Amino acid sequence: MTSFLNQHVLVLNRLWQAVNVCTVRRALTLLFEGHAQVVWGDDDGAFHTYDFRQWRDFSQRAPHGESISTITFKIRVPRVILLVVFDRLPRKEVKFTRHNIFERDRNTCQYCGRQCERKDLNLDHVIPRDRGGPTTWDNIVCSCIECNTLKANRTPLEAGMHLIRKPKRPKWRPFVQINLGIARHESWKHFIDLAYWNVELGEDVD
């Protein structure tokens, strides 16, 4: 039972947008206090919400291995909950991550315009680091291995190369930041982008 209580539950706001992750223990507390409802998807792809009493009754009608036993009843482990009053999104900027740079540049070399597999792309400092170039949105671009080798430790002007677009911070943002190490339940895929990487980039970017 303890292992179930420490597992993760996706939290949606009142607009059904993913805003956080909490433990099963916290989710059940919010459910019991009337601050949240369980979101459950049926086989037809429709989603239904259950308050604490309804979820307890549903748990009795549809027993499942992922259940928590109390003295008088068993209750299924919720995987997604909906907050009944919270309708805001967390105020977060787009994280400066490898994934988001690849997304911004559409997996395309910013020098030759060739779209590549991510394994064949590098992150290039437009102005090299040892020339004072910062590791920021407006100085990092995707570069194919060939162009990265050709440019070497030079500016594009010095290398006779041109950027296809000026790099800048993207305006889009993810709804929720999920740590890569968190095990995600299959039901989460309807509400979040499972490919989102949560590792901030630092000065170790090549």
Protein backbone atom coordinates (compact mmCIF):
# COMPACT_ATOMS: atom_id res chain seq x y z
CA MET A 1 0.00 0.00 0.00
CA THR A 2 2.84 2.40 0.84
CA SER A 3 4.28 2.06 -2.66
CA PHE A 4 0.91 3.01 -4.18
CA LEU A 5 0.61 6.05 -1.90
CA ASN A 6 3.95 7.39 -3.12
CA GLN A 7 3.24 6.95 -6.81
CA HIS A 8 2.48 9.94 -9.01
CA VAL A 9 -0.84 11.41 -10.09
CA LEU A 10 -1.30 13.99 -12.84
CA VAL A 11 -3.14 17.13 -11.67
CA LEU A 12 -5.43 19.05 -14.05
CA ASN A 13 -6.87 22.48 -13.41
CA ARG A 14 -10.56 23.27 -13.83
CA LEU A 15 -9.95 23.84 -17.57
CA TRP A 16 -8.57 20.28 -17.91
CA GLN A 17 -5.02 21.54 -18.44
CA ALA A 18 -2.11 19.70 -16.81
CA VAL A 19 -0.53 21.88 -14.13
CA ASN A 20 1.28 19.63 -11.68
CA VAL A 21 2.07 16.15 -10.39
CA CYS A 22 1.35 14.97 -6.84
CA THR A 23 1.47 11.70 -4.92
CA VAL A 24 -1.45 9.31 -4.64
CA ARG A 25 -1.56 10.18 -0.92
CA ARG A 26 -2.04 13.88 -1.70
CA ALA A 27 -4.55 13.12 -4.47
CA LEU A 28 -6.71 11.04 -2.13
CA THR A 29 -6.59 13.83 0.46
CA LEU A 30 -7.76 16.40 -2.11
CA LEU A 31 -10.46 13.98 -3.25
CA PHE A 32 -11.69 13.32 0.30
CA GLU A 33 -11.74 17.04 1.14
CA GLY A 34 -13.79 17.82 -1.96
CA HIS A 35 -11.06 19.85 -3.66
CA ALA A 36 -10.60 17.43 -6.56
CA GLN A 37 -12.32 14.74 -8.60
CA VAL A 38 -10.88 11.64 -10.22
CA VAL A 39 -10.72 11.64 -14.03
CA TRP A 40 -11.36 8.24 -15.55
CA GLY A 41 -11.38 7.32 -19.25
CA ASP A 42 -13.64 4.55 -20.51
CA ASP A 43 -13.00 2.16 -23.39
CA ASP A 44 -14.73 4.52 -25.83
CA GLY A 45 -12.24 7.32 -25.12
CA ALA A 46 -14.66 9.44 -23.09
CA PHE A 47 -13.60 10.90 -19.73
CA HIS A 48 -15.75 10.96 -16.60
CA THR A 49 -15.22 12.62 -13.22
CA TYR A 50 -15.92 11.11 -9.80
CA ASP A 51 -16.05 12.72 -6.38
CA PHE A 52 -14.87 10.74 -3.37
CA ARG A 53 -18.13 8.86 -2.75
CA GLN A 54 -18.64 8.10 -6.43
CA TRP A 55 -15.03 6.91 -6.82
CA ARG A 56 -15.35 4.69 -3.74
CA ASP A 57 -18.55 3.16 -5.15
CA PHE A 58 -16.97 2.75 -8.57
CA SER A 59 -14.04 0.97 -6.92
CA GLN A 60 -16.42 -1.59 -5.44
CA ARG A 61 -18.21 -2.20 -8.75
CA ALA A 62 -15.01 -2.46 -10.78
CA PRO A 63 -12.32 -4.02 -8.56
CA HIS A 64 -8.76 -3.57 -9.73
CA GLY A 65 -5.32 -4.67 -8.64
CA GLU A 66 -4.18 -1.09 -8.09
CA SER A 67 -6.28 -0.49 -4.99
CA ILE A 68 -5.71 0.74 -1.47
CA SER A 69 -7.45 -1.06 1.39
CA THR A 70 -8.97 0.73 4.37
CA ILE A 71 -10.72 -0.87 7.35
CA THR A 72 -14.12 -0.83 5.63
CA PHE A 73 -13.52 -0.62 1.85
CA LYS A 74 -11.03 -0.67 -1.01
CA ILE A 75 -10.48 2.35 -3.27
CA ARG A 76 -8.79 2.33 -6.63
CA VAL A 77 -5.58 4.29 -7.11
CA PRO A 78 -6.37 7.48 -9.08
CA ARG A 79 -4.03 8.35 -11.95
CA VAL A 80 -5.44 11.74 -13.00
CA ILE A 81 -7.33 14.23 -10.84
CA LEU A 82 -9.17 17.44 -11.69
CA LEU A 83 -9.04 20.41 -9.31
CA VAL A 84 -12.55 21.82 -8.89
CA VAL A 85 -11.57 25.47 -8.33
CA PHE A 86 -8.07 26.04 -9.74
CA ASP A 87 -8.26 27.38 -13.30
CA ARG A 88 -4.90 29.09 -13.71
CA LEU A 89 -1.77 27.89 -15.42
CA PRO A 90 1.58 28.14 -13.62
CA ARG A 91 3.57 31.15 -14.78
CA LYS A 92 6.61 29.56 -16.35
CA GLU A 93 8.81 30.57 -19.24
CA VAL A 94 9.87 28.06 -21.86
CA LYS A 95 12.63 26.01 -20.31
CA PHE A 96 16.02 26.32 -21.98
CA THR A 97 16.49 22.64 -22.80
CA ARG A 98 17.95 20.60 -25.63
CA HIS A 99 14.51 19.27 -26.51
CA ASN A 100 13.03 22.77 -26.74
CA ILE A 101 15.90 24.03 -28.90
CA PHE A 102 15.34 21.11 -31.27
CA GLU A 103 11.62 21.92 -31.26
CA ARG A 104 12.23 25.61 -31.94
CA ASP A 105 14.58 24.83 -34.84
CA ARG A 106 12.40 21.93 -36.06
CA ASN A 107 15.35 19.52 -36.08
CA THR A 108 16.82 21.60 -38.89
CA CYS A 109 20.43 22.74 -39.29
CA GLN A 110 20.33 26.51 -39.07
CA TYR A 111 23.22 26.85 -41.51
CA CYS A 112 22.41 24.53 -44.42
CA GLY A 113 18.68 24.06 -43.82
CA ARG A 114 18.84 20.26 -43.82
CA GLN A 115 16.43 18.45 -41.49
CA CYS A 116 18.16 15.68 -39.56
CA GLU A 117 17.61 13.05 -36.94
CA ARG A 118 18.42 14.48 -33.52
CA LYS A 119 21.36 12.12 -33.14
CA ASP A 120 22.90 13.82 -36.20
CA LEU A 121 22.49 17.35 -34.81
CA ASN A 122 24.71 19.39 -32.50
CA LEU A 123 23.96 22.53 -30.53
CA ASP A 124 26.21 25.28 -31.82
CA HIS A 125 27.21 28.56 -30.18
CA VAL A 126 26.79 31.14 -32.97
CA ILE A 127 29.44 33.27 -31.29
CA PRO A 128 31.89 30.74 -29.81
CA ARG A 129 32.04 30.50 -26.03
CA ASP A 130 35.74 31.35 -25.87
CA ARG A 131 34.93 34.54 -27.83
CA GLY A 132 32.42 35.57 -25.18
CA GLY A 133 29.34 33.93 -26.67
CA PRO A 134 26.73 33.12 -24.00
CA THR A 135 24.73 29.89 -23.65
CA THR A 136 21.36 31.51 -24.29
CA TRP A 137 18.37 31.18 -26.61
CA ASP A 138 19.74 33.84 -28.99
CA ASN A 139 23.21 32.30 -29.32
CA ILE A 140 22.43 28.57 -29.58
CA VAL A 141 21.21 26.88 -32.77
CA CYS A 142 20.87 23.37 -34.16
CA SER A 143 23.70 22.47 -36.51
CA CYS A 144 24.35 19.32 -38.50
CA ILE A 145 27.65 17.61 -37.85
CA GLU A 146 29.10 18.71 -41.21
CA CYS A 147 28.27 22.39 -40.71
CA ASN A 148 29.42 22.27 -37.10
CA THR A 149 32.76 20.85 -38.22
CA LEU A 150 33.07 23.41 -41.03
CA LYS A 151 32.27 26.36 -38.77
CA ALA A 152 34.61 25.12 -36.04
CA ASN A 153 35.58 27.81 -33.52
CA ARG A 154 34.62 30.75 -35.72
CA THR A 155 31.72 33.12 -36.15
CA PRO A 156 29.42 32.48 -39.12
CA LEU A 157 30.89 35.54 -40.87
CA GLU A 158 34.43 34.26 -40.43
CA ALA A 159 33.39 30.83 -41.72
CA GLY A 160 31.51 32.28 -44.70
CA MET A 161 28.25 30.79 -43.42
CA HIS A 162 24.82 32.31 -42.90
CA LEU A 163 22.03 31.55 -40.44
CA ILE A 164 18.70 30.77 -42.08
CA ARG A 165 16.92 32.53 -39.21
CA LYS A 166 17.98 34.55 -36.20
CA PRO A 167 17.73 32.49 -33.00
CA LYS A 168 15.45 33.78 -30.24
CA ARG A 169 13.42 32.58 -27.27
CA PRO A 170 10.25 30.81 -28.44
CA LYS A 171 6.88 32.17 -27.35
CA TRP A 172 5.16 28.82 -26.81
CA ARG A 173 5.38 27.06 -23.48
CA PRO A 174 4.55 23.64 -22.12
CA PHE A 175 1.56 23.31 -19.77
CA VAL A 176 3.46 21.30 -17.21
CA GLN A 177 7.03 20.44 -16.35
CA ILE A 178 7.49 16.75 -15.67
CA ASN A 179 10.79 15.37 -14.47
CA LEU A 180 12.22 12.74 -16.82
CA GLY A 181 12.69 10.32 -13.95
CA ILE A 182 8.99 10.20 -13.07
CA ALA A 183 7.13 7.09 -14.20
CA ARG A 184 4.11 8.27 -16.15
CA HIS A 185 0.84 6.39 -16.36
CA GLU A 186 -0.58 5.62 -19.80
CA SER A 187 -3.65 7.77 -19.10
CA TRP A 188 -1.46 10.90 -18.86
CA LYS A 189 -0.78 10.95 -22.60
CA HIS A 190 -4.15 12.59 -23.24
CA PHE A 191 -3.16 15.65 -21.24
CA ILE A 192 0.58 16.23 -21.56
CA ASP A 193 3.39 16.06 -24.08
CA LEU A 194 5.32 12.98 -22.99
CA ALA A 195 8.37 14.05 -24.99
CA TYR A 196 8.96 17.16 -22.89
CA TRP A 197 12.49 17.27 -21.43
CA ASN A 198 12.92 18.96 -18.09
CA VAL A 199 16.67 19.38 -17.88
CA GLU A 200 17.83 22.98 -17.94
CA LEU A 201 20.89 23.63 -20.12
CA GLY A 202 23.96 25.21 -18.59
CA GLU A 203 27.41 26.18 -19.65
CA ASP A 204 28.26 22.53 -20.45
CA VAL A 205 26.47 22.72 -23.83
CA ASP A 206 28.83 21.87 -26.67
